[in-house]
Amino acid sequence: MNLEKTRELEREFHACQKILTAIGDEVRQKLLLLMLMENREEIRVADLADKTSLTRPAVSHHIQILKDAGVIKSRKRGKCVYYYFDSTCQNVDALLRLLENVRSIIKMMKQSETTLEEK
């Protein structure tokens, strides 16, 4: 792999660091799945806490990490804060590009390895 590709991959990993950390946690994965299964546009922390063994502060902590990573957004209505998925999916798209580039590099390495073995 050349230096340019390595630097590009390094930049992509850096850009995706927050989303990788956010979705890498099992608790946050379960919260995301709950949000998807609820089949609602928005959900409150209290609703998520009621469906898990987590306290409201614990759910809020995990939701904030997902929000900081650009996976979800929030909207305040009265005293309640509602959370929903970021429909732009910009950070998810960046993660998919990163993974596609990693896959491409792995394939190139495998092809190079096969070529060397044939010689």
C-alpha atoms as a PDB file:
ATOM      1  CA  MET A   1       0.000   0.000   0.000  1.00  0.00           C
ATOM      2  CA  ASN A   2       1.430   3.361  -0.970  1.00  0.00           C
ATOM      3  CA  LEU A   3       1.905   6.335   1.328  1.00  0.00           C
ATOM      4  CA  GLU A   4      -0.960   8.307  -0.218  1.00  0.00           C
ATOM      5  CA  LYS A   5      -3.454   5.487   0.378  1.00  0.00           C
ATOM      6  CA  THR A   6      -2.187   5.065   3.932  1.00  0.00           C
ATOM      7  CA  ARG A   7      -2.657   8.764   4.698  1.00  0.00           C
ATOM      8  CA  GLU A   8      -6.126   8.751   3.136  1.00  0.00           C
ATOM      9  CA  LEU A   9      -7.114   5.775   5.246  1.00  0.00           C
ATOM     10  CA  GLU A  10      -5.685   7.461   8.336  1.00  0.00           C
ATOM     11  CA  ARG A  11      -7.811  10.567   7.645  1.00  0.00           C
ATOM     12  CA  GLU A  12     -10.906   8.435   7.160  1.00  0.00           C
ATOM     13  CA  PHE A  13     -10.322   6.546  10.412  1.00  0.00           C
ATOM     14  CA  HIS A  14      -9.861   9.845  12.227  1.00  0.00           C
ATOM     15  CA  ALA A  15     -13.072  11.262  10.701  1.00  0.00           C
ATOM     16  CA  CYS A  16     -14.999   8.142  11.744  1.00  0.00           C
ATOM     17  CA  GLN A  17     -13.539   7.849  15.235  1.00  0.00           C
ATOM     18  CA  LYS A  18     -16.657   9.127  17.034  1.00  0.00           C
ATOM     19  CA  ILE A  19     -19.114   6.953  15.142  1.00  0.00           C
ATOM     20  CA  LEU A  20     -16.890   3.879  15.526  1.00  0.00           C
ATOM     21  CA  THR A  21     -16.749   4.458  19.286  1.00  0.00           C
ATOM     22  CA  ALA A  22     -20.462   5.202  19.486  1.00  0.00           C
ATOM     23  CA  ILE A  23     -21.708   2.136  17.664  1.00  0.00           C
ATOM     24  CA  GLY A  24     -18.976  -0.127  19.039  1.00  0.00           C
ATOM     25  CA  ASP A  25     -20.569  -0.197  22.486  1.00  0.00           C
ATOM     26  CA  GLU A  26     -23.038  -3.027  23.130  1.00  0.00           C
ATOM     27  CA  VAL A  27     -25.361  -0.876  25.245  1.00  0.00           C
ATOM     28  CA  ARG A  28     -25.584   1.778  22.543  1.00  0.00           C
ATOM     29  CA  GLN A  29     -26.194  -0.921  19.934  1.00  0.00           C
ATOM     30  CA  LYS A  30     -29.157  -2.128  22.007  1.00  0.00           C
ATOM     31  CA  LEU A  31     -30.481   1.416  22.351  1.00  0.00           C
ATOM     32  CA  LEU A  32     -30.242   1.924  18.586  1.00  0.00           C
ATOM     33  CA  LEU A  33     -32.066  -1.340  17.991  1.00  0.00           C
ATOM     34  CA  LEU A  34     -34.772  -0.320  20.457  1.00  0.00           C
ATOM     35  CA  MET A  35     -35.187   2.979  18.655  1.00  0.00           C
ATOM     36  CA  LEU A  36     -35.563   1.133  15.360  1.00  0.00           C
ATOM     37  CA  MET A  37     -37.988  -1.436  16.774  1.00  0.00           C
ATOM     38  CA  GLU A  38     -40.200   1.216  18.354  1.00  0.00           C
ATOM     39  CA  ASN A  39     -41.196   2.239  14.844  1.00  0.00           C
ATOM     40  CA  ARG A  40     -41.701   5.837  15.933  1.00  0.00           C
ATOM     41  CA  GLU A  41     -40.141   8.949  14.500  1.00  0.00           C
ATOM     42  CA  GLU A  42     -38.954  10.103  17.923  1.00  0.00           C
ATOM     43  CA  ILE A  43     -38.398   8.668  21.382  1.00  0.00           C
ATOM     44  CA  ARG A  44     -37.641  10.053  24.832  1.00  0.00           C
ATOM     45  CA  VAL A  45     -34.921   8.898  27.231  1.00  0.00           C
ATOM     46  CA  ALA A  46     -37.627   7.868  29.708  1.00  0.00           C
ATOM     47  CA  ASP A  47     -39.166   5.549  27.092  1.00  0.00           C
ATOM     48  CA  LEU A  48     -35.809   3.913  26.427  1.00  0.00           C
ATOM     49  CA  ALA A  49     -35.060   3.575  30.144  1.00  0.00           C
ATOM     50  CA  ASP A  50     -38.431   1.892  30.702  1.00  0.00           C
ATOM     51  CA  LYS A  51     -37.549  -0.735  28.092  1.00  0.00           C
ATOM     52  CA  THR A  52     -34.094  -1.482  29.506  1.00  0.00           C
ATOM     53  CA  SER A  53     -32.469  -2.094  32.857  1.00  0.00           C
ATOM     54  CA  LEU A  54     -30.680   1.246  32.531  1.00  0.00           C
ATOM     55  CA  THR A  55     -31.356   4.346  34.569  1.00  0.00           C
ATOM     56  CA  ARG A  56     -32.412   7.551  32.835  1.00  0.00           C
ATOM     57  CA  PRO A  57     -28.996   9.155  33.479  1.00  0.00           C
ATOM     58  CA  ALA A  58     -27.276   6.107  31.957  1.00  0.00           C
ATOM     59  CA  VAL A  59     -29.516   6.231  28.884  1.00  0.00           C
ATOM     60  CA  SER A  60     -28.913   9.988  28.595  1.00  0.00           C
ATOM     61  CA  HIS A  61     -25.161   9.411  28.707  1.00  0.00           C
ATOM     62  CA  HIS A  62     -25.275   6.852  25.892  1.00  0.00           C
ATOM     63  CA  ILE A  63     -27.712   8.943  23.845  1.00  0.00           C
ATOM     64  CA  GLN A  64     -25.375  11.936  24.129  1.00  0.00           C
ATOM     65  CA  ILE A  65     -22.493   9.878  22.726  1.00  0.00           C
ATOM     66  CA  LEU A  66     -24.676   8.781  19.802  1.00  0.00           C
ATOM     67  CA  LYS A  67     -25.734  12.390  19.299  1.00  0.00           C
ATOM     68  CA  ASP A  68     -22.127  13.642  19.378  1.00  0.00           C
ATOM     69  CA  ALA A  69     -21.270  10.999  16.775  1.00  0.00           C
ATOM     70  CA  GLY A  70     -23.989  12.297  14.459  1.00  0.00           C
ATOM     71  CA  VAL A  71     -26.076   9.135  14.553  1.00  0.00           C
ATOM     72  CA  ILE A  72     -29.089  10.740  16.209  1.00  0.00           C
ATOM     73  CA  LYS A  73     -30.456  14.238  16.716  1.00  0.00           C
ATOM     74  CA  SER A  74     -32.741  15.793  19.281  1.00  0.00           C
ATOM     75  CA  ARG A  75     -35.726  18.085  19.338  1.00  0.00           C
ATOM     76  CA  LYS A  76     -37.169  19.775  22.405  1.00  0.00           C
ATOM     77  CA  ARG A  77     -40.939  20.082  22.762  1.00  0.00           C
ATOM     78  CA  GLY A  78     -42.027  21.711  25.971  1.00  0.00           C
ATOM     79  CA  LYS A  79     -40.130  20.041  28.796  1.00  0.00           C
ATOM     80  CA  CYS A  80     -39.460  16.846  26.836  1.00  0.00           C
ATOM     81  CA  VAL A  81     -36.508  16.087  24.577  1.00  0.00           C
ATOM     82  CA  TYR A  82     -37.176  13.663  21.735  1.00  0.00           C
ATOM     83  CA  TYR A  83     -34.442  11.767  19.906  1.00  0.00           C
ATOM     84  CA  TYR A  84     -34.507  10.560  16.326  1.00  0.00           C
ATOM     85  CA  PHE A  85     -32.127   9.237  13.685  1.00  0.00           C
ATOM     86  CA  ASP A  86     -30.185  11.761  11.621  1.00  0.00           C
ATOM     87  CA  SER A  87     -31.777  11.307   8.209  1.00  0.00           C
ATOM     88  CA  THR A  88     -28.793  12.825   6.391  1.00  0.00           C
ATOM     89  CA  CYS A  89     -26.692   9.811   7.433  1.00  0.00           C
ATOM     90  CA  GLN A  90     -23.494  11.780   6.726  1.00  0.00           C
ATOM     91  CA  ASN A  91     -21.442  10.019   9.388  1.00  0.00           C
ATOM     92  CA  VAL A  92     -22.867   6.632   8.433  1.00  0.00           C
ATOM     93  CA  ASP A  93     -21.955   7.334   4.813  1.00  0.00           C
ATOM     94  CA  ALA A  94     -18.408   8.278   5.864  1.00  0.00           C
ATOM     95  CA  LEU A  95     -18.137   5.015   7.811  1.00  0.00           C
ATOM     96  CA  LEU A  96     -19.338   3.024   4.804  1.00  0.00           C
ATOM     97  CA  ARG A  97     -16.734   4.730   2.585  1.00  0.00           C
ATOM     98  CA  LEU A  98     -14.032   3.896   5.129  1.00  0.00           C
ATOM     99  CA  LEU A  99     -15.056   0.242   5.247  1.00  0.00           C
ATOM    100  CA  GLU A 100     -15.234   0.063   1.450  1.00  0.00           C
ATOM    101  CA  ASN A 101     -11.702   1.468   1.209  1.00  0.00           C
ATOM    102  CA  VAL A 102     -10.438  -1.041   3.778  1.00  0.00           C
ATOM    103  CA  ARG A 103     -12.091  -3.840   1.804  1.00  0.00           C
ATOM    104  CA  SER A 104     -10.539  -2.572  -1.429  1.00  0.00           C
ATOM    105  CA  ILE A 105      -7.064  -2.505   0.137  1.00  0.00           C
ATOM    106  CA  ILE A 106      -7.480  -6.014   1.524  1.00  0.00           C
ATOM    107  CA  LYS A 107      -8.498  -7.266  -1.923  1.00  0.00           C
ATOM    108  CA  MET A 108      -5.476  -5.571  -3.528  1.00  0.00           C
ATOM    109  CA  MET A 109      -3.191  -7.136  -0.932  1.00  0.00           C
ATOM    110  CA  LYS A 110      -4.722 -10.557  -1.557  1.00  0.00           C
ATOM    111  CA  GLN A 111      -4.261 -10.159  -5.324  1.00  0.00           C
ATOM    112  CA  SER A 112      -0.625  -9.155  -4.827  1.00  0.00           C
ATOM    113  CA  GLU A 113      -0.094 -12.145  -2.555  1.00  0.00           C
ATOM    114  CA  THR A 114      -1.655 -14.495  -5.126  1.00  0.00           C
ATOM    115  CA  THR A 115       0.501 -13.034  -7.899  1.00  0.00           C
ATOM    116  CA  LEU A 116       3.670 -13.552  -5.838  1.00  0.00           C
ATOM    117  CA  GLU A 117       2.697 -17.150  -5.057  1.00  0.00           C
ATOM    118  CA  GLU A 118       2.201 -17.898  -8.754  1.00  0.00           C
ATOM    119  CA  LYS A 119       5.737 -16.756  -9.605  1.00  0.00           C
END
